[in-house]
Amino acid sequence: MGMSDQKVDTVVIGAGQAGIAISHHLTERGISHRVLEKNRITEAWRTGRWDSLVANGPAWHDRNLHGKYGDL
């Protein structure tokens, strides 16, 4: 069965941080899905926004899903 013939429950549009996060949650719940992105995953985030990005919030707020940050 080719990819175009597969039935999926959900389509996620965009593979930025939010798209990857929701894909993670869908996978944990066993929900079939596809993530559609017009470029490489997170391409706009990597190359199309800022020369540099500095997080101004607390360190615990900067981690990704199930990521560890120091002793937090």
PDB file of N, CA and C in Angstrom:
ATOM      1  N   MET A   1       0.860  -1.180   0.000  1.00  0.00           N
ATOM      2  CA  MET A   1       0.000   0.000   0.000  1.00  0.00           C
ATOM      3  C   MET A   1       0.902   1.238   0.000  1.00  0.00           C
ATOM      4  N   GLY A   2       0.732   2.110  -0.965  1.00  0.00           N
ATOM      5  CA  GLY A   2       1.500   3.346  -1.027  1.00  0.00           C
ATOM      6  C   GLY A   2       1.001   4.358  -0.024  1.00  0.00           C
ATOM      7  N   MET A   3       1.819   5.364   0.238  1.00  0.00           N
ATOM      8  CA  MET A   3       1.439   6.376   1.219  1.00  0.00           C
ATOM      9  C   MET A   3       0.136   7.066   0.836  1.00  0.00           C
ATOM     10  N   SER A   4      -0.092   7.290  -0.446  1.00  0.00           N
ATOM     11  CA  SER A   4      -1.313   7.979  -0.864  1.00  0.00           C
ATOM     12  C   SER A   4      -2.557   7.116  -0.662  1.00  0.00           C
ATOM     13  N   ASP A   5      -2.377   5.815  -0.436  1.00  0.00           N
ATOM     14  CA  ASP A   5      -3.505   4.907  -0.242  1.00  0.00           C
ATOM     15  C   ASP A   5      -3.839   4.671   1.223  1.00  0.00           C
ATOM     16  N   GLN A   6      -3.028   5.197   2.128  1.00  0.00           N
ATOM     17  CA  GLN A   6      -3.236   4.948   3.548  1.00  0.00           C
ATOM     18  C   GLN A   6      -4.295   5.879   4.123  1.00  0.00           C
ATOM     19  N   LYS A   7      -5.105   5.319   5.030  1.00  0.00           N
ATOM     20  CA  LYS A   7      -6.104   6.118   5.734  1.00  0.00           C
ATOM     21  C   LYS A   7      -5.498   6.556   7.062  1.00  0.00           C
ATOM     22  N   VAL A   8      -5.603   7.842   7.344  1.00  0.00           N
ATOM     23  CA  VAL A   8      -5.128   8.365   8.628  1.00  0.00           C
ATOM     24  C   VAL A   8      -6.272   9.123   9.289  1.00  0.00           C
ATOM     25  N   ASP A   9      -6.224   9.177  10.609  1.00  0.00           N
ATOM     26  CA  ASP A   9      -7.263   9.874  11.361  1.00  0.00           C
ATOM     27  C   ASP A   9      -7.079  11.383  11.358  1.00  0.00           C
ATOM     28  N   THR A  10      -5.820  11.836  11.324  1.00  0.00           N
ATOM     29  CA  THR A  10      -5.530  13.253  11.517  1.00  0.00           C
ATOM     30  C   THR A  10      -4.402  13.695  10.598  1.00  0.00           C
ATOM     31  N   VAL A  11      -4.507  14.921  10.106  1.00  0.00           N
ATOM     32  CA  VAL A  11      -3.425  15.546   9.349  1.00  0.00           C
ATOM     33  C   VAL A  11      -3.001  16.795  10.107  1.00  0.00           C
ATOM     34  N   VAL A  12      -1.705  16.912  10.357  1.00  0.00           N
ATOM     35  CA  VAL A  12      -1.138  18.073  11.020  1.00  0.00           C
ATOM     36  C   VAL A  12      -0.485  18.921   9.931  1.00  0.00           C
ATOM     37  N   ILE A  13      -0.900  20.178   9.828  1.00  0.00           N
ATOM     38  CA  ILE A  13      -0.346  21.083   8.833  1.00  0.00           C
ATOM     39  C   ILE A  13       0.764  21.900   9.476  1.00  0.00           C
ATOM     40  N   GLY A  14       1.983  21.695   9.002  1.00  0.00           N
ATOM     41  CA  GLY A  14       3.127  22.431   9.515  1.00  0.00           C
ATOM     42  C   GLY A  14       3.941  21.605  10.485  1.00  0.00           C
ATOM     43  N   ALA A  15       5.253  21.585  10.273  1.00  0.00           N
ATOM     44  CA  ALA A  15       6.153  20.789  11.108  1.00  0.00           C
ATOM     45  C   ALA A  15       7.078  21.680  11.931  1.00  0.00           C
ATOM     46  N   GLY A  16       6.541  22.802  12.388  1.00  0.00           N
ATOM     47  CA  GLY A  16       7.282  23.641  13.324  1.00  0.00           C
ATOM     48  C   GLY A  16       7.162  23.058  14.719  1.00  0.00           C
ATOM     49  N   GLN A  17       7.464  23.852  15.717  1.00  0.00           N
ATOM     50  CA  GLN A  17       7.438  23.358  17.092  1.00  0.00           C
ATOM     51  C   GLN A  17       6.063  22.829  17.485  1.00  0.00           C
ATOM     52  N   ALA A  18       5.010  23.542  17.149  1.00  0.00           N
ATOM     53  CA  ALA A  18       3.662  23.097  17.513  1.00  0.00           C
ATOM     54  C   ALA A  18       3.274  21.828  16.764  1.00  0.00           C
ATOM     55  N   GLY A  19       3.606  21.749  15.480  1.00  0.00           N
ATOM     56  CA  GLY A  19       3.282  20.564  14.698  1.00  0.00           C
ATOM     57  C   GLY A  19       4.003  19.326  15.199  1.00  0.00           C
ATOM     58  N   ILE A  20       5.276  19.477  15.528  1.00  0.00           N
ATOM     59  CA  ILE A  20       6.045  18.354  16.061  1.00  0.00           C
ATOM     60  C   ILE A  20       5.503  17.954  17.438  1.00  0.00           C
ATOM     61  N   ALA A  21       5.135  18.939  18.256  1.00  0.00           N
ATOM     62  CA  ALA A  21       4.595  18.638  19.590  1.00  0.00           C
ATOM     63  C   ALA A  21       3.289  17.863  19.488  1.00  0.00           C
ATOM     64  N   ILE A  22       2.382  18.306  18.611  1.00  0.00           N
ATOM     65  CA  ILE A  22       1.098  17.603  18.503  1.00  0.00           C
ATOM     66  C   ILE A  22       1.304  16.213  17.914  1.00  0.00           C
ATOM     67  N   SER A  23       2.269  16.075  17.003  1.00  0.00           N
ATOM     68  CA  SER A  23       2.588  14.754  16.458  1.00  0.00           C
ATOM     69  C   SER A  23       3.046  13.813  17.561  1.00  0.00           C
ATOM     70  N   HIS A  24       3.846  14.327  18.461  1.00  0.00           N
ATOM     71  CA  HIS A  24       4.312  13.529  19.603  1.00  0.00           C
ATOM     72  C   HIS A  24       3.127  13.048  20.441  1.00  0.00           C
ATOM     73  N   HIS A  25       2.205  13.943  20.756  1.00  0.00           N
ATOM     74  CA  HIS A  25       1.043  13.577  21.569  1.00  0.00           C
ATOM     75  C   HIS A  25       0.140  12.588  20.839  1.00  0.00           C
ATOM     76  N   LEU A  26      -0.055  12.778  19.543  1.00  0.00           N
ATOM     77  CA  LEU A  26      -0.873  11.836  18.771  1.00  0.00           C
ATOM     78  C   LEU A  26      -0.231  10.452  18.751  1.00  0.00           C
ATOM     79  N   THR A  27       1.083  10.411  18.588  1.00  0.00           N
ATOM     80  CA  THR A  27       1.798   9.133  18.585  1.00  0.00           C
ATOM     81  C   THR A  27       1.660   8.430  19.926  1.00  0.00           C
ATOM     82  N   GLU A  28       1.803   9.170  21.028  1.00  0.00           N
ATOM     83  CA  GLU A  28       1.642   8.578  22.366  1.00  0.00           C
ATOM     84  C   GLU A  28       0.266   7.953  22.556  1.00  0.00           C
ATOM     85  N   ARG A  29      -0.733   8.513  21.902  1.00  0.00           N
ATOM     86  CA  ARG A  29      -2.103   8.027  22.047  1.00  0.00           C
ATOM     87  C   ARG A  29      -2.493   7.017  20.972  1.00  0.00           C
ATOM     88  N   GLY A  30      -1.562   6.677  20.101  1.00  0.00           N
ATOM     89  CA  GLY A  30      -1.820   5.679  19.077  1.00  0.00           C
ATOM     90  C   GLY A  30      -2.740   6.163  17.966  1.00  0.00           C
ATOM     91  N   ILE A  31      -2.812   7.470  17.753  1.00  0.00           N
ATOM     92  CA  ILE A  31      -3.676   8.042  16.721  1.00  0.00           C
ATOM     93  C   ILE A  31      -2.877   8.181  15.434  1.00  0.00           C
ATOM     94  N   SER A  32      -3.367   7.548  14.360  1.00  0.00           N
ATOM     95  CA  SER A  32      -2.643   7.625  13.095  1.00  0.00           C
ATOM     96  C   SER A  32      -2.728   9.044  12.546  1.00  0.00           C
ATOM     97  N   HIS A  33      -1.606   9.531  12.012  1.00  0.00           N
ATOM     98  CA  HIS A  33      -1.562  10.905  11.515  1.00  0.00           C
ATOM     99  C   HIS A  33      -0.396  11.082  10.552  1.00  0.00           C
ATOM    100  N   ARG A  34      -0.443  12.147   9.814  1.00  0.00           N
ATOM    101  CA  ARG A  34       0.654  12.569   8.949  1.00  0.00           C
ATOM    102  C   ARG A  34       0.912  14.044   9.215  1.00  0.00           C
ATOM    103  N   VAL A  35       2.189  14.427   9.189  1.00  0.00           N
ATOM    104  CA  VAL A  35       2.576  15.821   9.330  1.00  0.00           C
ATOM    105  C   VAL A  35       2.990  16.310   7.951  1.00  0.00           C
ATOM    106  N   LEU A  36       2.341  17.370   7.470  1.00  0.00           N
ATOM    107  CA  LEU A  36       2.649  17.927   6.163  1.00  0.00           C
ATOM    108  C   LEU A  36       3.440  19.218   6.342  1.00  0.00           C
ATOM    109  N   GLU A  37       4.539  19.321   5.617  1.00  0.00           N
ATOM    110  CA  GLU A  37       5.391  20.502   5.690  1.00  0.00           C
ATOM    111  C   GLU A  37       5.887  20.803   4.288  1.00  0.00           C
ATOM    112  N   LYS A  38       5.861  22.051   3.891  1.00  0.00           N
ATOM    113  CA  LYS A  38       6.278  22.391   2.530  1.00  0.00           C
ATOM    114  C   LYS A  38       7.796  22.407   2.368  1.00  0.00           C
ATOM    115  N   ASN A  39       8.539  22.550   3.459  1.00  0.00           N
ATOM    116  CA  ASN A  39       9.998  22.556   3.424  1.00  0.00           C
ATOM    117  C   ASN A  39      10.521  21.478   4.353  1.00  0.00           C
ATOM    118  N   ARG A  40      11.817  21.563   4.690  1.00  0.00           N
ATOM    119  CA  ARG A  40      12.357  20.667   5.712  1.00  0.00           C
ATOM    120  C   ARG A  40      11.635  20.943   7.026  1.00  0.00           C
ATOM    121  N   ILE A  41      11.611  19.962   7.893  1.00  0.00           N
ATOM    122  CA  ILE A  41      10.985  20.150   9.203  1.00  0.00           C
ATOM    123  C   ILE A  41      11.680  21.301   9.918  1.00  0.00           C
ATOM    124  N   THR A  42      10.915  22.204  10.441  1.00  0.00           N
ATOM    125  CA  THR A  42      11.332  23.424  11.155  1.00  0.00           C
ATOM    126  C   THR A  42      12.163  24.364  10.291  1.00  0.00           C
ATOM    127  N   GLU A  43      12.044  24.286   8.977  1.00  0.00           N
ATOM    128  CA  GLU A  43      12.853  25.130   8.090  1.00  0.00           C
ATOM    129  C   GLU A  43      12.616  26.616   8.338  1.00  0.00           C
ATOM    130  N   ALA A  44      11.375  27.049   8.418  1.00  0.00           N
ATOM    131  CA  ALA A  44      11.093  28.475   8.640  1.00  0.00           C
ATOM    132  C   ALA A  44      11.656  28.934   9.980  1.00  0.00           C
ATOM    133  N   TRP A  45      11.569  28.089  10.980  1.00  0.00           N
ATOM    134  CA  TRP A  45      12.091  28.431  12.296  1.00  0.00           C
ATOM    135  C   TRP A  45      13.605  28.571  12.253  1.00  0.00           C
ATOM    136  N   ARG A  46      14.257  27.692  11.478  1.00  0.00           N
ATOM    137  CA  ARG A  46      15.721  27.710  11.396  1.00  0.00           C
ATOM    138  C   ARG A  46      16.251  28.881  10.590  1.00  0.00           C
ATOM    139  N   THR A  47      15.616  29.167   9.454  1.00  0.00           N
ATOM    140  CA  THR A  47      16.237  30.097   8.506  1.00  0.00           C
ATOM    141  C   THR A  47      15.419  31.342   8.195  1.00  0.00           C
ATOM    142  N   GLY A  48      14.136  31.351   8.500  1.00  0.00           N
ATOM    143  CA  GLY A  48      13.309  32.433   8.009  1.00  0.00           C
ATOM    144  C   GLY A  48      12.859  33.475   9.003  1.00  0.00           C
ATOM    145  N   ARG A  49      13.347  33.454  10.222  1.00  0.00           N
ATOM    146  CA  ARG A  49      12.779  34.360  11.208  1.00  0.00           C
ATOM    147  C   ARG A  49      13.771  35.357  11.782  1.00  0.00           C
ATOM    148  N   TRP A  50      14.687  34.903  12.611  1.00  0.00           N
ATOM    149  CA  TRP A  50      15.553  35.828  13.340  1.00  0.00           C
ATOM    150  C   TRP A  50      17.016  35.465  13.140  1.00  0.00           C
ATOM    151  N   ASP A  51      17.886  36.469  13.226  1.00  0.00           N
ATOM    152  CA  ASP A  51      19.317  36.188  13.207  1.00  0.00           C
ATOM    153  C   ASP A  51      19.726  35.449  14.476  1.00  0.00           C
ATOM    154  N   SER A  52      19.077  35.797  15.568  1.00  0.00           N
ATOM    155  CA  SER A  52      19.330  35.097  16.825  1.00  0.00           C
ATOM    156  C   SER A  52      18.045  35.117  17.633  1.00  0.00           C
ATOM    157  N   LEU A  53      17.934  34.187  18.532  1.00  0.00           N
ATOM    158  CA  LEU A  53      16.747  34.094  19.370  1.00  0.00           C
ATOM    159  C   LEU A  53      17.195  33.855  20.802  1.00  0.00           C
ATOM    160  N   VAL A  54      16.733  34.670  21.697  1.00  0.00           N
ATOM    161  CA  VAL A  54      17.073  34.540  23.104  1.00  0.00           C
ATOM    162  C   VAL A  54      15.773  34.366  23.874  1.00  0.00           C
ATOM    163  N   ALA A  55      15.715  33.332  24.680  1.00  0.00           N
ATOM    164  CA  ALA A  55      14.534  33.101  25.510  1.00  0.00           C
ATOM    165  C   ALA A  55      14.619  33.995  26.743  1.00  0.00           C
ATOM    166  N   ASN A  56      13.541  34.678  27.032  1.00  0.00           N
ATOM    167  CA  ASN A  56      13.527  35.602  28.162  1.00  0.00           C
ATOM    168  C   ASN A  56      12.696  35.102  29.327  1.00  0.00           C
ATOM    169  N   GLY A  57      12.259  33.883  29.270  1.00  0.00           N
ATOM    170  CA  GLY A  57      11.439  33.329  30.337  1.00  0.00           C
ATOM    171  C   GLY A  57      12.264  32.452  31.260  1.00  0.00           C
ATOM    172  N   PRO A  58      11.605  31.831  32.223  1.00  0.00           N
ATOM    173  CA  PRO A  58      12.312  30.930  33.136  1.00  0.00           C
ATOM    174  C   PRO A  58      12.827  29.700  32.387  1.00  0.00           C
ATOM    175  N   ALA A  59      13.917  29.119  32.866  1.00  0.00           N
ATOM    176  CA  ALA A  59      14.566  27.999  32.186  1.00  0.00           C
ATOM    177  C   ALA A  59      13.624  26.812  31.990  1.00  0.00           C
ATOM    178  N   TRP A  60      12.756  26.512  32.963  1.00  0.00           N
ATOM    179  CA  TRP A  60      11.876  25.354  32.845  1.00  0.00           C
ATOM    180  C   TRP A  60      10.920  25.516  31.677  1.00  0.00           C
ATOM    181  N   HIS A  61      10.684  26.728  31.251  1.00  0.00           N
ATOM    182  CA  HIS A  61       9.752  27.007  30.161  1.00  0.00           C
ATOM    183  C   HIS A  61      10.367  26.738  28.787  1.00  0.00           C
ATOM    184  N   ASP A  62      11.694  26.605  28.710  1.00  0.00           N
ATOM    185  CA  ASP A  62      12.400  26.493  27.438  1.00  0.00           C
ATOM    186  C   ASP A  62      12.576  25.065  26.933  1.00  0.00           C
ATOM    187  N   ARG A  63      12.194  24.077  27.688  1.00  0.00           N
ATOM    188  CA  ARG A  63      12.451  22.699  27.266  1.00  0.00           C
ATOM    189  C   ARG A  63      11.396  22.200  26.279  1.00  0.00           C
ATOM    190  N   ASN A  64      11.760  21.173  25.537  1.00  0.00           N
ATOM    191  CA  ASN A  64      10.835  20.521  24.621  1.00  0.00           C
ATOM    192  C   ASN A  64      10.096  19.411  25.351  1.00  0.00           C
ATOM    193  N   LEU A  65       9.226  18.738  24.647  1.00  0.00           N
ATOM    194  CA  LEU A  65       8.431  17.674  25.245  1.00  0.00           C
ATOM    195  C   LEU A  65       9.286  16.642  25.959  1.00  0.00           C
ATOM    196  N   HIS A  66       8.959  16.360  27.182  1.00  0.00           N
ATOM    197  CA  HIS A  66       9.611  15.341  27.998  1.00  0.00           C
ATOM    198  C   HIS A  66      11.119  15.548  28.085  1.00  0.00           C
ATOM    199  N   GLY A  67      11.566  16.746  27.756  1.00  0.00           N
ATOM    200  CA  GLY A  67      12.991  17.045  27.844  1.00  0.00           C
ATOM    201  C   GLY A  67      13.380  17.360  29.269  1.00  0.00           C
ATOM    202  N   LYS A  68      14.628  17.183  29.557  1.00  0.00           N
ATOM    203  CA  LYS A  68      15.146  17.500  30.883  1.00  0.00           C
ATOM    204  C   LYS A  68      15.939  18.785  30.801  1.00  0.00           C
ATOM    205  N   TYR A  69      15.865  19.589  31.820  1.00  0.00           N
ATOM    206  CA  TYR A  69      16.637  20.815  31.867  1.00  0.00           C
ATOM    207  C   TYR A  69      17.180  20.956  33.272  1.00  0.00           C
ATOM    208  N   GLY A  70      18.426  20.616  33.451  1.00  0.00           N
ATOM    209  CA  GLY A  70      19.035  20.707  34.768  1.00  0.00           C
ATOM    210  C   GLY A  70      18.297  19.844  35.768  1.00  0.00           C
ATOM    211  N   ASP A  71      18.029  20.380  36.921  1.00  0.00           N
ATOM    212  CA  ASP A  71      17.342  19.642  37.979  1.00  0.00           C
ATOM    213  C   ASP A  71      15.841  19.876  37.969  1.00  0.00           C
ATOM    214  N   LEU A  72      15.320  20.486  36.940  1.00  0.00           N
ATOM    215  CA  LEU A  72      13.879  20.825  36.915  1.00  0.00           C
ATOM    216  C   LEU A  72      13.049  19.649  36.506  1.00  0.00           C
TER     217      LEU A  72
END
